Each structure stands twice: as structure tokens, then as C-alpha cells.
Amino acid sequence: MALSLNHVHLKTPDPEKTAKFYIDTLGATKIADIGDIGVRLDLHGLTLNVTKHIETQTRDQKYGIEHIAIDADDIQGMIDSLKANGA
């Protein structure tokens, strides 16, 4: 099964300030705005979604890495593997 990194989602109290750091310091480029909650960046091939807390999200939200999104070419195989390993 082939896996690939889709994106990393960061939560921050100030998405614009955080994005500016990645742009000015690490050479990221802005790809798009994410509504009024944040921005999407390209960090040398790695997509970063940088947002504030999302009001409609019902789960507990913390600042830092929200999640790492991985694509799988065999979704059912991935589900089976996760279940077999206790997820």
C-alpha cells in the first residue's frame, strides 16, 4: 500500500503572524486563504494549513499540530490495517 503526506494542519491564535514567520524565515509561499480562519502555504512541497480555532468544530482544539493528513492508495486496506493494530 502506498502512502503519501497530504498536508499538516497547524492551529494558532494568529494565523497571519504564523504564516508570515513561515514565509519570511523558511521561504514558504502563500497558496490560498482558507475563508476567514487562516491560510494555506507551500513549504517547499509540504502543504501547511494554518488556522485559528474553528468555531463549528465540536472536538477539543489545541494550538500546535492539529493533524497530519496522509493519503493512501488503498483506503480499505488502510482501514483494515489500522483496526488490526488497535486503532
N, C-alpha and C. Protein backbone atom coordinates (compact mmCIF):
# COMPACT_ATOMS: atom_id res chain seq x y z
N MET A 1 0.85 -1.17 0.00
CA MET A 1 0.00 0.00 0.00
C MET A 1 0.90 1.24 0.00
N ALA A 2 0.65 2.15 -0.92
CA ALA A 2 1.43 3.39 -1.00
C ALA A 2 0.76 4.48 -0.17
N LEU A 3 1.57 5.15 0.65
CA LEU A 3 1.10 6.28 1.44
C LEU A 3 1.87 7.52 1.05
N SER A 4 1.22 8.67 1.14
CA SER A 4 1.90 9.94 0.89
C SER A 4 1.35 11.00 1.83
N LEU A 5 2.18 11.95 2.16
CA LEU A 5 1.78 13.05 3.03
C LEU A 5 0.94 14.03 2.23
N ASN A 6 -0.26 14.34 2.71
CA ASN A 6 -1.13 15.30 2.04
C ASN A 6 -0.86 16.70 2.56
N HIS A 7 -0.99 16.90 3.88
CA HIS A 7 -0.72 18.21 4.47
C HIS A 7 -0.56 18.10 5.98
N VAL A 8 -0.06 19.17 6.57
CA VAL A 8 0.00 19.32 8.02
C VAL A 8 -0.86 20.52 8.38
N HIS A 9 -1.71 20.37 9.39
CA HIS A 9 -2.62 21.44 9.82
C HIS A 9 -2.13 21.97 11.16
N LEU A 10 -1.82 23.27 11.19
CA LEU A 10 -1.38 23.93 12.41
C LEU A 10 -2.48 24.84 12.93
N LYS A 11 -2.71 24.83 14.25
CA LYS A 11 -3.66 25.76 14.89
C LYS A 11 -2.85 26.80 15.66
N THR A 12 -3.23 28.06 15.51
CA THR A 12 -2.52 29.16 16.13
C THR A 12 -3.50 30.29 16.46
N PRO A 13 -3.22 31.08 17.49
CA PRO A 13 -4.12 32.20 17.77
C PRO A 13 -4.05 33.30 16.70
N ASP A 14 -2.96 33.34 15.92
CA ASP A 14 -2.78 34.39 14.91
C ASP A 14 -2.23 33.77 13.62
N PRO A 15 -3.12 33.26 12.75
CA PRO A 15 -2.66 32.60 11.52
C PRO A 15 -1.80 33.48 10.62
N GLU A 16 -2.15 34.75 10.50
CA GLU A 16 -1.37 35.64 9.63
C GLU A 16 0.06 35.81 10.15
N LYS A 17 0.21 35.97 11.45
CA LYS A 17 1.54 36.12 12.05
C LYS A 17 2.35 34.84 11.89
N THR A 18 1.70 33.70 12.11
CA THR A 18 2.38 32.41 11.95
C THR A 18 2.78 32.20 10.49
N ALA A 19 1.88 32.51 9.56
CA ALA A 19 2.19 32.37 8.14
C ALA A 19 3.36 33.27 7.75
N LYS A 20 3.37 34.49 8.27
CA LYS A 20 4.46 35.43 7.98
C LYS A 20 5.80 34.85 8.42
N PHE A 21 5.82 34.19 9.58
CA PHE A 21 7.06 33.54 10.04
C PHE A 21 7.52 32.49 9.03
N TYR A 22 6.62 31.61 8.60
CA TYR A 22 6.99 30.56 7.65
C TYR A 22 7.42 31.14 6.31
N ILE A 23 6.78 32.22 5.89
CA ILE A 23 7.14 32.87 4.62
C ILE A 23 8.48 33.58 4.73
N ASP A 24 8.63 34.45 5.73
CA ASP A 24 9.84 35.26 5.86
C ASP A 24 11.07 34.47 6.30
N THR A 25 10.88 33.49 7.16
CA THR A 25 12.01 32.77 7.74
C THR A 25 12.36 31.50 6.99
N LEU A 26 11.35 30.77 6.52
CA LEU A 26 11.59 29.46 5.93
C LEU A 26 11.32 29.40 4.42
N GLY A 27 10.90 30.52 3.83
CA GLY A 27 10.72 30.57 2.38
C GLY A 27 9.44 29.96 1.86
N ALA A 28 8.43 29.83 2.71
CA ALA A 28 7.13 29.31 2.26
C ALA A 28 6.46 30.32 1.33
N THR A 29 5.52 29.85 0.54
CA THR A 29 4.71 30.75 -0.29
C THR A 29 3.24 30.53 0.04
N LYS A 30 2.47 31.60 -0.02
CA LYS A 30 1.04 31.53 0.26
C LYS A 30 0.33 30.97 -0.97
N ILE A 31 -0.46 29.92 -0.76
CA ILE A 31 -1.23 29.30 -1.84
C ILE A 31 -2.63 29.90 -1.89
N ALA A 32 -3.27 30.03 -0.72
CA ALA A 32 -4.66 30.49 -0.69
C ALA A 32 -5.05 30.91 0.72
N ASP A 33 -6.11 31.70 0.77
CA ASP A 33 -6.77 31.97 2.04
C ASP A 33 -7.73 30.81 2.31
N ILE A 34 -7.90 30.48 3.58
CA ILE A 34 -8.88 29.47 3.99
C ILE A 34 -10.01 30.24 4.67
N GLY A 35 -10.91 30.75 3.86
CA GLY A 35 -12.01 31.56 4.40
C GLY A 35 -11.48 32.67 5.28
N ASP A 36 -12.14 32.89 6.41
CA ASP A 36 -11.67 33.91 7.34
C ASP A 36 -10.94 33.29 8.53
N ILE A 37 -10.56 32.01 8.40
CA ILE A 37 -9.92 31.34 9.54
C ILE A 37 -8.43 31.10 9.38
N GLY A 38 -7.87 31.31 8.17
CA GLY A 38 -6.45 31.06 8.03
C GLY A 38 -5.95 31.07 6.61
N VAL A 39 -4.79 30.46 6.42
CA VAL A 39 -4.12 30.44 5.12
C VAL A 39 -3.54 29.06 4.83
N ARG A 40 -3.32 28.80 3.56
CA ARG A 40 -2.65 27.58 3.11
C ARG A 40 -1.31 28.00 2.51
N LEU A 41 -0.26 27.32 2.95
CA LEU A 41 1.09 27.63 2.50
C LEU A 41 1.72 26.43 1.81
N ASP A 42 2.67 26.71 0.93
CA ASP A 42 3.53 25.67 0.35
C ASP A 42 4.91 25.88 0.96
N LEU A 43 5.34 24.93 1.79
CA LEU A 43 6.65 24.99 2.41
C LEU A 43 7.56 24.00 1.68
N HIS A 44 8.07 24.44 0.53
CA HIS A 44 8.99 23.63 -0.27
C HIS A 44 8.42 22.24 -0.56
N GLY A 45 7.14 22.22 -0.97
CA GLY A 45 6.49 20.96 -1.34
C GLY A 45 5.59 20.39 -0.26
N LEU A 46 5.68 20.90 0.96
CA LEU A 46 4.80 20.46 2.04
C LEU A 46 3.68 21.48 2.20
N THR A 47 2.44 21.05 2.10
CA THR A 47 1.30 21.94 2.29
C THR A 47 1.03 22.10 3.78
N LEU A 48 0.98 23.36 4.22
CA LEU A 48 0.64 23.69 5.61
C LEU A 48 -0.68 24.44 5.61
N ASN A 49 -1.66 23.95 6.35
CA ASN A 49 -2.88 24.70 6.62
C ASN A 49 -2.69 25.35 7.98
N VAL A 50 -2.77 26.66 8.03
CA VAL A 50 -2.54 27.41 9.27
C VAL A 50 -3.84 28.13 9.61
N THR A 51 -4.50 27.70 10.70
CA THR A 51 -5.79 28.29 11.05
C THR A 51 -5.87 28.61 12.54
N LYS A 52 -6.84 29.46 12.85
CA LYS A 52 -7.20 29.67 14.25
C LYS A 52 -8.19 28.57 14.63
N HIS A 53 -8.66 28.60 15.87
CA HIS A 53 -9.68 27.62 16.27
C HIS A 53 -10.91 27.79 15.38
N ILE A 54 -11.54 26.69 15.01
CA ILE A 54 -12.70 26.70 14.14
C ILE A 54 -13.95 26.60 15.01
N GLU A 55 -14.78 27.65 14.98
CA GLU A 55 -15.93 27.75 15.87
C GLU A 55 -16.91 26.59 15.73
N THR A 56 -17.06 26.04 14.53
CA THR A 56 -18.05 24.97 14.32
C THR A 56 -17.50 23.58 14.64
N GLN A 57 -16.22 23.50 14.96
CA GLN A 57 -15.61 22.21 15.28
C GLN A 57 -15.99 21.81 16.71
N THR A 58 -16.51 20.61 16.88
CA THR A 58 -17.02 20.20 18.19
C THR A 58 -15.98 19.52 19.07
N ARG A 59 -14.91 19.01 18.50
CA ARG A 59 -13.90 18.36 19.34
C ARG A 59 -12.98 19.40 19.98
N ASP A 60 -12.31 19.01 21.06
CA ASP A 60 -11.39 19.89 21.76
C ASP A 60 -10.28 20.32 20.82
N GLN A 61 -9.97 21.60 20.81
CA GLN A 61 -8.93 22.13 19.93
C GLN A 61 -7.78 22.68 20.76
N LYS A 62 -6.57 22.37 20.36
CA LYS A 62 -5.35 22.86 21.00
C LYS A 62 -4.53 23.60 19.95
N TYR A 63 -3.63 24.45 20.41
CA TYR A 63 -2.70 25.10 19.49
C TYR A 63 -1.53 24.16 19.22
N GLY A 64 -0.98 24.27 18.02
CA GLY A 64 0.13 23.40 17.60
C GLY A 64 -0.32 22.57 16.41
N ILE A 65 0.21 21.36 16.30
CA ILE A 65 -0.17 20.49 15.18
C ILE A 65 -1.56 19.94 15.44
N GLU A 66 -2.50 20.31 14.57
CA GLU A 66 -3.88 19.82 14.63
C GLU A 66 -3.94 18.38 14.14
N HIS A 67 -3.36 18.14 12.96
CA HIS A 67 -3.28 16.79 12.43
C HIS A 67 -2.29 16.73 11.28
N ILE A 68 -1.90 15.53 10.94
CA ILE A 68 -1.08 15.26 9.76
C ILE A 68 -1.95 14.38 8.86
N ALA A 69 -2.22 14.86 7.65
CA ALA A 69 -3.10 14.13 6.72
C ALA A 69 -2.27 13.27 5.78
N ILE A 70 -2.63 12.00 5.71
CA ILE A 70 -1.93 11.04 4.86
C ILE A 70 -2.90 10.46 3.84
N ASP A 71 -2.49 10.41 2.58
CA ASP A 71 -3.27 9.77 1.52
C ASP A 71 -2.82 8.32 1.39
N ALA A 72 -3.78 7.44 1.14
CA ALA A 72 -3.49 6.02 0.90
C ALA A 72 -4.11 5.61 -0.42
N ASP A 73 -3.38 4.82 -1.20
CA ASP A 73 -3.93 4.37 -2.48
C ASP A 73 -4.92 3.22 -2.30
N ASP A 74 -4.98 2.65 -1.09
CA ASP A 74 -5.91 1.56 -0.79
C ASP A 74 -6.59 1.88 0.55
N ILE A 75 -7.66 2.65 0.50
CA ILE A 75 -8.34 3.13 1.71
C ILE A 75 -8.81 1.96 2.57
N GLN A 76 -9.47 0.98 1.97
CA GLN A 76 -9.98 -0.15 2.76
C GLN A 76 -8.84 -0.93 3.40
N GLY A 77 -7.76 -1.11 2.65
CA GLY A 77 -6.59 -1.79 3.20
C GLY A 77 -6.01 -1.03 4.39
N MET A 78 -6.01 0.31 4.29
CA MET A 78 -5.52 1.13 5.39
C MET A 78 -6.42 1.00 6.61
N ILE A 79 -7.73 1.03 6.39
CA ILE A 79 -8.70 0.86 7.49
C ILE A 79 -8.48 -0.50 8.16
N ASP A 80 -8.35 -1.54 7.37
CA ASP A 80 -8.14 -2.88 7.91
C ASP A 80 -6.85 -2.95 8.73
N SER A 81 -5.79 -2.33 8.22
CA SER A 81 -4.51 -2.32 8.92
C SER A 81 -4.61 -1.56 10.24
N LEU A 82 -5.28 -0.42 10.22
CA LEU A 82 -5.45 0.37 11.45
C LEU A 82 -6.22 -0.42 12.50
N LYS A 83 -7.32 -1.04 12.08
CA LYS A 83 -8.13 -1.84 13.01
C LYS A 83 -7.34 -3.02 13.56
N ALA A 84 -6.58 -3.68 12.70
CA ALA A 84 -5.79 -4.83 13.13
C ALA A 84 -4.71 -4.45 14.14
N ASN A 85 -4.33 -3.18 14.13
CA ASN A 85 -3.28 -2.71 15.03
C ASN A 85 -3.81 -1.87 16.17
N GLY A 86 -5.11 -2.00 16.45
CA GLY A 86 -5.68 -1.39 17.64
C GLY A 86 -6.22 0.01 17.50
N ALA A 87 -6.28 0.54 16.31
CA ALA A 87 -6.80 1.91 16.15
C ALA A 87 -8.31 1.91 16.14
